[in-house]
Amino acid sequence: MSAHALAAEPRSDMSLNIPPEFERAVLDRVASGAYETPEDVLKACLEGLSLLEAQLEEDHEWIREQIQLAREELDRGEGIPSDKARELILADVRRITGR
């Protein structure tokens, strides 16, 4: 369906059951002047969700790439024994947390 066809469609009267705390949060944002309407708040939320989902997909792709690189290193015999890996990880945790 084209963007023009979507724009020509009548607006849906979608009915949602919104928990009171969400309704208050939406109305507070409208009352603050940050948004003109509750629909603007919903639009901003959906845009934020889309950005978050895109970032998560990028993160997942990076993790998949790192796993593939690690597998290739192991295939070349460049791995380290699990007890040595555990020691290195614990040392990093101690350094980061101060414990």
C-alpha atoms as a PDB file:
ATOM      1  CA  MET A   1       0.000   0.000   0.000  1.00  0.00           C
ATOM      2  CA  SER A   2       1.387   3.394  -0.915  1.00  0.00           C
ATOM      3  CA  ALA A   3       1.975   6.212   1.537  1.00  0.00           C
ATOM      4  CA  HIS A   4      -0.704   8.182  -0.299  1.00  0.00           C
ATOM      5  CA  ALA A   5      -3.228   5.381   0.224  1.00  0.00           C
ATOM      6  CA  LEU A   6      -2.359   5.238   3.924  1.00  0.00           C
ATOM      7  CA  ALA A   7      -2.838   8.973   4.284  1.00  0.00           C
ATOM      8  CA  ALA A   8      -6.239   8.735   2.609  1.00  0.00           C
ATOM      9  CA  GLU A   9      -7.520   6.026   4.974  1.00  0.00           C
ATOM     10  CA  PRO A  10      -9.894   7.202   7.679  1.00  0.00           C
ATOM     11  CA  ARG A  11      -8.484   7.347  11.176  1.00  0.00           C
ATOM     12  CA  SER A  12      -9.190   4.340  13.363  1.00  0.00           C
ATOM     13  CA  ASP A  13     -11.007   4.772  16.657  1.00  0.00           C
ATOM     14  CA  MET A  14      -8.711   2.357  18.460  1.00  0.00           C
ATOM     15  CA  SER A  15      -9.715   1.740  22.037  1.00  0.00           C
ATOM     16  CA  LEU A  16      -7.004   0.993  24.577  1.00  0.00           C
ATOM     17  CA  ASN A  17      -7.100   0.100  28.232  1.00  0.00           C
ATOM     18  CA  ILE A  18      -4.321   2.195  29.746  1.00  0.00           C
ATOM     19  CA  PRO A  19      -3.202   1.656  33.325  1.00  0.00           C
ATOM     20  CA  PRO A  20      -3.806   4.755  35.484  1.00  0.00           C
ATOM     21  CA  GLU A  21      -0.092   5.372  36.035  1.00  0.00           C
ATOM     22  CA  PHE A  22       0.509   5.444  32.245  1.00  0.00           C
ATOM     23  CA  GLU A  23      -2.440   7.751  31.708  1.00  0.00           C
ATOM     24  CA  ARG A  24      -1.140  10.103  34.419  1.00  0.00           C
ATOM     25  CA  ALA A  25       2.346  10.060  32.840  1.00  0.00           C
ATOM     26  CA  VAL A  26       0.901  10.939  29.430  1.00  0.00           C
ATOM     27  CA  LEU A  27      -1.318  13.681  30.821  1.00  0.00           C
ATOM     28  CA  ASP A  28       1.556  15.106  32.881  1.00  0.00           C
ATOM     29  CA  ARG A  29       3.667  15.397  29.745  1.00  0.00           C
ATOM     30  CA  VAL A  30       0.866  17.157  27.896  1.00  0.00           C
ATOM     31  CA  ALA A  31       0.233  19.466  30.876  1.00  0.00           C
ATOM     32  CA  SER A  32       3.931  20.347  31.029  1.00  0.00           C
ATOM     33  CA  GLY A  33       3.758  21.670  27.492  1.00  0.00           C
ATOM     34  CA  ALA A  34       6.334  19.186  26.249  1.00  0.00           C
ATOM     35  CA  TYR A  35       3.666  17.647  23.981  1.00  0.00           C
ATOM     36  CA  GLU A  36       0.517  19.107  22.515  1.00  0.00           C
ATOM     37  CA  THR A  37      -1.651  15.978  22.658  1.00  0.00           C
ATOM     38  CA  PRO A  38      -1.662  12.463  24.115  1.00  0.00           C
ATOM     39  CA  GLU A  39      -1.200  11.231  20.556  1.00  0.00           C
ATOM     40  CA  ASP A  40       2.047  13.206  20.355  1.00  0.00           C
ATOM     41  CA  VAL A  41       3.248  11.434  23.504  1.00  0.00           C
ATOM     42  CA  LEU A  42       2.373   8.052  22.004  1.00  0.00           C
ATOM     43  CA  LYS A  43       4.138   8.965  18.760  1.00  0.00           C
ATOM     44  CA  ALA A  44       7.278   9.952  20.698  1.00  0.00           C
ATOM     45  CA  CYS A  45       7.117   6.706  22.670  1.00  0.00           C
ATOM     46  CA  LEU A  46       6.861   4.639  19.497  1.00  0.00           C
ATOM     47  CA  GLU A  47       9.726   6.555  17.898  1.00  0.00           C
ATOM     48  CA  GLY A  48      11.828   5.923  21.002  1.00  0.00           C
ATOM     49  CA  LEU A  49      10.908   2.242  20.931  1.00  0.00           C
ATOM     50  CA  SER A  50      11.936   2.027  17.282  1.00  0.00           C
ATOM     51  CA  LEU A  51      15.305   3.585  18.119  1.00  0.00           C
ATOM     52  CA  LEU A  52      15.780   1.180  21.017  1.00  0.00           C
ATOM     53  CA  GLU A  53      14.900  -1.819  18.858  1.00  0.00           C
ATOM     54  CA  ALA A  54      17.355  -0.681  16.176  1.00  0.00           C
ATOM     55  CA  GLN A  55      20.093  -0.278  18.795  1.00  0.00           C
ATOM     56  CA  LEU A  56      19.367  -3.723  20.216  1.00  0.00           C
ATOM     57  CA  GLU A  57      19.608  -5.243  16.738  1.00  0.00           C
ATOM     58  CA  GLU A  58      22.980  -3.515  16.234  1.00  0.00           C
ATOM     59  CA  ASP A  59      24.128  -4.829  19.611  1.00  0.00           C
ATOM     60  CA  HIS A  60      22.991  -8.348  18.731  1.00  0.00           C
ATOM     61  CA  GLU A  61      24.839  -8.161  15.413  1.00  0.00           C
ATOM     62  CA  TRP A  62      28.017  -7.016  17.214  1.00  0.00           C
ATOM     63  CA  ILE A  63      27.686  -9.904  19.684  1.00  0.00           C
ATOM     64  CA  ARG A  64      27.199 -12.396  16.820  1.00  0.00           C
ATOM     65  CA  GLU A  65      30.326 -11.013  15.138  1.00  0.00           C
ATOM     66  CA  GLN A  66      32.327 -11.301  18.369  1.00  0.00           C
ATOM     67  CA  ILE A  67      31.187 -14.902  18.835  1.00  0.00           C
ATOM     68  CA  GLN A  68      32.211 -15.717  15.261  1.00  0.00           C
ATOM     69  CA  LEU A  69      35.635 -14.127  15.805  1.00  0.00           C
ATOM     70  CA  ALA A  70      36.075 -16.146  19.005  1.00  0.00           C
ATOM     71  CA  ARG A  71      35.126 -19.375  17.212  1.00  0.00           C
ATOM     72  CA  GLU A  72      37.654 -18.635  14.492  1.00  0.00           C
ATOM     73  CA  GLU A  73      40.339 -17.999  17.124  1.00  0.00           C
ATOM     74  CA  LEU A  74      39.508 -21.291  18.812  1.00  0.00           C
ATOM     75  CA  ASP A  75      39.643 -23.100  15.461  1.00  0.00           C
ATOM     76  CA  ARG A  76      43.163 -21.687  14.983  1.00  0.00           C
ATOM     77  CA  GLY A  77      44.152 -22.923  18.440  1.00  0.00           C
ATOM     78  CA  GLU A  78      44.345 -19.418  19.896  1.00  0.00           C
ATOM     79  CA  GLY A  79      42.011 -20.092  22.809  1.00  0.00           C
ATOM     80  CA  ILE A  80      42.926 -20.191  26.474  1.00  0.00           C
ATOM     81  CA  PRO A  81      41.963 -22.841  29.032  1.00  0.00           C
ATOM     82  CA  SER A  82      38.694 -22.198  30.896  1.00  0.00           C
ATOM     83  CA  ASP A  83      40.399 -21.890  34.297  1.00  0.00           C
ATOM     84  CA  LYS A  84      42.715 -19.167  32.923  1.00  0.00           C
ATOM     85  CA  ALA A  85      39.725 -17.395  31.307  1.00  0.00           C
ATOM     86  CA  ARG A  86      37.882 -17.527  34.639  1.00  0.00           C
ATOM     87  CA  GLU A  87      40.899 -16.008  36.433  1.00  0.00           C
ATOM     88  CA  LEU A  88      41.095 -13.173  33.897  1.00  0.00           C
ATOM     89  CA  ILE A  89      37.365 -12.477  34.157  1.00  0.00           C
ATOM     90  CA  LEU A  90      37.428 -12.466  37.960  1.00  0.00           C
ATOM     91  CA  ALA A  91      40.453 -10.151  37.931  1.00  0.00           C
ATOM     92  CA  ASP A  92      38.539  -7.747  35.674  1.00  0.00           C
ATOM     93  CA  VAL A  93      35.486  -7.905  37.923  1.00  0.00           C
ATOM     94  CA  ARG A  94      37.615  -7.196  40.990  1.00  0.00           C
ATOM     95  CA  ARG A  95      39.331  -4.288  39.232  1.00  0.00           C
ATOM     96  CA  ILE A  96      36.016  -2.791  38.114  1.00  0.00           C
ATOM     97  CA  THR A  97      34.105  -3.325  41.364  1.00  0.00           C
ATOM     98  CA  GLY A  98      37.002  -2.840  43.771  1.00  0.00           C
ATOM     99  CA  ARG A  99      36.284  -6.171  45.451  1.00  0.00           C
END
